[in-house]
Amino acid sequence: MHLVSSTANDSHVVRYERLSRGSFFADFRRDKRLFPEVYHCIVQRAGEAQILAWTQHTTLDAARQAAEDHLQRLNHPDDRAADTPESKARAAT
């Protein structure tokens, strides 16, 4: 992951490279004013303003792992549906 430069107006915010999977992406921010530092992970669909997930972590690695988990679930919705009782019942018939 690479550091992305910030503007003079938000010099207290550190931005990191966006992580993308399919039509979804995760952005990462660290606010240098906080102690201990908190890393924010914001997950959205490309072209939409709605935030699908916003998590906070104590390390960038933890934020990145959470993003990977969210993006995988969002890109493979059938994986979640396959574990529901209804889908198991349909498969058994």
C-alpha atoms as a PDB file:
ATOM      1  CA  MET A   1       0.000   0.000   0.000  1.00  0.00           C
ATOM      2  CA  HIS A   2       1.307   3.447  -0.887  1.00  0.00           C
ATOM      3  CA  LEU A   3       0.830   6.815   0.740  1.00  0.00           C
ATOM      4  CA  VAL A   4      -1.198   9.248  -1.365  1.00  0.00           C
ATOM      5  CA  SER A   5      -0.419  12.924  -0.934  1.00  0.00           C
ATOM      6  CA  SER A   6      -2.973  15.104   0.797  1.00  0.00           C
ATOM      7  CA  THR A   7      -3.874  18.742   0.210  1.00  0.00           C
ATOM      8  CA  ALA A   8      -2.865  21.590   2.500  1.00  0.00           C
ATOM      9  CA  ASN A   9      -6.417  21.784   3.890  1.00  0.00           C
ATOM     10  CA  ASP A  10      -6.352  18.246   5.265  1.00  0.00           C
ATOM     11  CA  SER A  11      -2.709  17.891   6.292  1.00  0.00           C
ATOM     12  CA  HIS A  12      -3.787  16.041   9.466  1.00  0.00           C
ATOM     13  CA  VAL A  13      -5.276  13.211   7.343  1.00  0.00           C
ATOM     14  CA  VAL A  14      -3.059  10.537   5.831  1.00  0.00           C
ATOM     15  CA  ARG A  15      -4.575   8.763   2.830  1.00  0.00           C
ATOM     16  CA  TYR A  16      -3.509   5.408   1.503  1.00  0.00           C
ATOM     17  CA  GLU A  17      -3.904   3.709  -1.849  1.00  0.00           C
ATOM     18  CA  ARG A  18      -7.437   2.546  -2.691  1.00  0.00           C
ATOM     19  CA  LEU A  19      -8.141  -1.186  -2.700  1.00  0.00           C
ATOM     20  CA  SER A  20     -10.561  -2.293  -5.462  1.00  0.00           C
ATOM     21  CA  ARG A  21     -12.348  -5.577  -6.143  1.00  0.00           C
ATOM     22  CA  GLY A  22     -14.948  -5.742  -8.910  1.00  0.00           C
ATOM     23  CA  SER A  23     -17.257  -2.738  -8.687  1.00  0.00           C
ATOM     24  CA  PHE A  24     -16.429  -2.078  -5.015  1.00  0.00           C
ATOM     25  CA  PHE A  25     -13.529  -0.261  -3.383  1.00  0.00           C
ATOM     26  CA  ALA A  26     -12.118   0.568   0.043  1.00  0.00           C
ATOM     27  CA  ASP A  27     -10.424   3.813   1.009  1.00  0.00           C
ATOM     28  CA  PHE A  28      -8.157   4.138   4.026  1.00  0.00           C
ATOM     29  CA  ARG A  29      -7.560   7.203   6.199  1.00  0.00           C
ATOM     30  CA  ARG A  30      -5.542   7.928   9.319  1.00  0.00           C
ATOM     31  CA  ASP A  31      -6.188  11.096  11.278  1.00  0.00           C
ATOM     32  CA  LYS A  32      -2.897  12.199  12.810  1.00  0.00           C
ATOM     33  CA  ARG A  33      -4.744  14.232  15.468  1.00  0.00           C
ATOM     34  CA  LEU A  34      -5.941  11.097  17.268  1.00  0.00           C
ATOM     35  CA  PHE A  35      -4.005   9.213  19.918  1.00  0.00           C
ATOM     36  CA  PRO A  36      -3.763   6.353  19.744  1.00  0.00           C
ATOM     37  CA  GLU A  37      -4.037   6.505  15.977  1.00  0.00           C
ATOM     38  CA  VAL A  38      -7.135   5.051  14.372  1.00  0.00           C
ATOM     39  CA  TYR A  39      -7.233   3.796  10.797  1.00  0.00           C
ATOM     40  CA  HIS A  40     -10.557   4.185   9.013  1.00  0.00           C
ATOM     41  CA  CYS A  41     -11.680   1.800   6.284  1.00  0.00           C
ATOM     42  CA  ILE A  42     -14.542   3.075   4.103  1.00  0.00           C
ATOM     43  CA  VAL A  43     -16.151   0.647   1.611  1.00  0.00           C
ATOM     44  CA  GLN A  44     -18.310   1.844  -1.289  1.00  0.00           C
ATOM     45  CA  ARG A  45     -19.543   0.800  -4.734  1.00  0.00           C
ATOM     46  CA  ALA A  46     -17.887   2.625  -7.637  1.00  0.00           C
ATOM     47  CA  GLY A  47     -19.968   5.581  -8.797  1.00  0.00           C
ATOM     48  CA  GLU A  48     -22.159   5.662  -5.669  1.00  0.00           C
ATOM     49  CA  ALA A  49     -21.977   7.844  -2.566  1.00  0.00           C
ATOM     50  CA  GLN A  50     -23.505   5.327  -0.131  1.00  0.00           C
ATOM     51  CA  ILE A  51     -21.059   3.970   2.442  1.00  0.00           C
ATOM     52  CA  LEU A  52     -21.507   0.192   2.697  1.00  0.00           C
ATOM     53  CA  ALA A  53     -19.092  -0.275   5.599  1.00  0.00           C
ATOM     54  CA  TRP A  54     -17.008   2.038   7.769  1.00  0.00           C
ATOM     55  CA  THR A  55     -14.708   0.377  10.262  1.00  0.00           C
ATOM     56  CA  GLN A  56     -11.941   1.598  12.560  1.00  0.00           C
ATOM     57  CA  HIS A  57      -8.755  -0.261  13.452  1.00  0.00           C
ATOM     58  CA  THR A  58      -5.551   0.250  15.406  1.00  0.00           C
ATOM     59  CA  THR A  59      -3.307  -0.742  12.482  1.00  0.00           C
ATOM     60  CA  LEU A  60      -3.345  -0.277   8.737  1.00  0.00           C
ATOM     61  CA  ASP A  61      -2.914  -4.039   8.288  1.00  0.00           C
ATOM     62  CA  ALA A  62      -6.076  -4.707  10.302  1.00  0.00           C
ATOM     63  CA  ALA A  63      -7.987  -2.116   8.264  1.00  0.00           C
ATOM     64  CA  ARG A  64      -6.742  -3.669   5.040  1.00  0.00           C
ATOM     65  CA  GLN A  65      -7.785  -7.176   6.170  1.00  0.00           C
ATOM     66  CA  ALA A  66     -11.255  -5.922   7.073  1.00  0.00           C
ATOM     67  CA  ALA A  67     -11.508  -4.314   3.644  1.00  0.00           C
ATOM     68  CA  GLU A  68     -10.489  -7.558   1.940  1.00  0.00           C
ATOM     69  CA  ASP A  69     -13.207  -9.403   3.889  1.00  0.00           C
ATOM     70  CA  HIS A  70     -15.891  -6.831   3.013  1.00  0.00           C
ATOM     71  CA  LEU A  71     -14.910  -6.702  -0.653  1.00  0.00           C
ATOM     72  CA  GLN A  72     -14.891 -10.469  -0.961  1.00  0.00           C
ATOM     73  CA  ARG A  73     -18.391 -10.741   0.547  1.00  0.00           C
ATOM     74  CA  LEU A  74     -19.733  -7.941  -1.641  1.00  0.00           C
ATOM     75  CA  ASN A  75     -18.297  -9.468  -4.814  1.00  0.00           C
ATOM     76  CA  HIS A  76     -19.550 -12.983  -4.005  1.00  0.00           C
ATOM     77  CA  PRO A  77     -23.077 -12.576  -2.601  1.00  0.00           C
ATOM     78  CA  ASP A  78     -23.909 -16.179  -3.571  1.00  0.00           C
ATOM     79  CA  ASP A  79     -21.350 -17.421  -1.036  1.00  0.00           C
ATOM     80  CA  ARG A  80     -23.415 -15.948   1.802  1.00  0.00           C
ATOM     81  CA  ALA A  81     -26.706 -17.242   0.377  1.00  0.00           C
ATOM     82  CA  ALA A  82     -25.298 -20.758   0.038  1.00  0.00           C
ATOM     83  CA  ASP A  83     -25.070 -21.090   3.821  1.00  0.00           C
ATOM     84  CA  THR A  84     -28.663 -20.142   4.616  1.00  0.00           C
ATOM     85  CA  PRO A  85     -31.119 -22.847   5.779  1.00  0.00           C
ATOM     86  CA  GLU A  86     -33.391 -22.061   2.814  1.00  0.00           C
ATOM     87  CA  SER A  87     -30.662 -22.714   0.246  1.00  0.00           C
ATOM     88  CA  LYS A  88     -29.633 -25.940   1.992  1.00  0.00           C
ATOM     89  CA  ALA A  89     -33.253 -27.116   1.947  1.00  0.00           C
ATOM     90  CA  ARG A  90     -33.551 -26.349  -1.773  1.00  0.00           C
ATOM     91  CA  ALA A  91     -30.316 -28.210  -2.479  1.00  0.00           C
ATOM     92  CA  ALA A  92     -31.554 -31.278  -0.580  1.00  0.00           C
ATOM     93  CA  THR A  93     -34.742 -31.572  -2.674  1.00  0.00           C
END
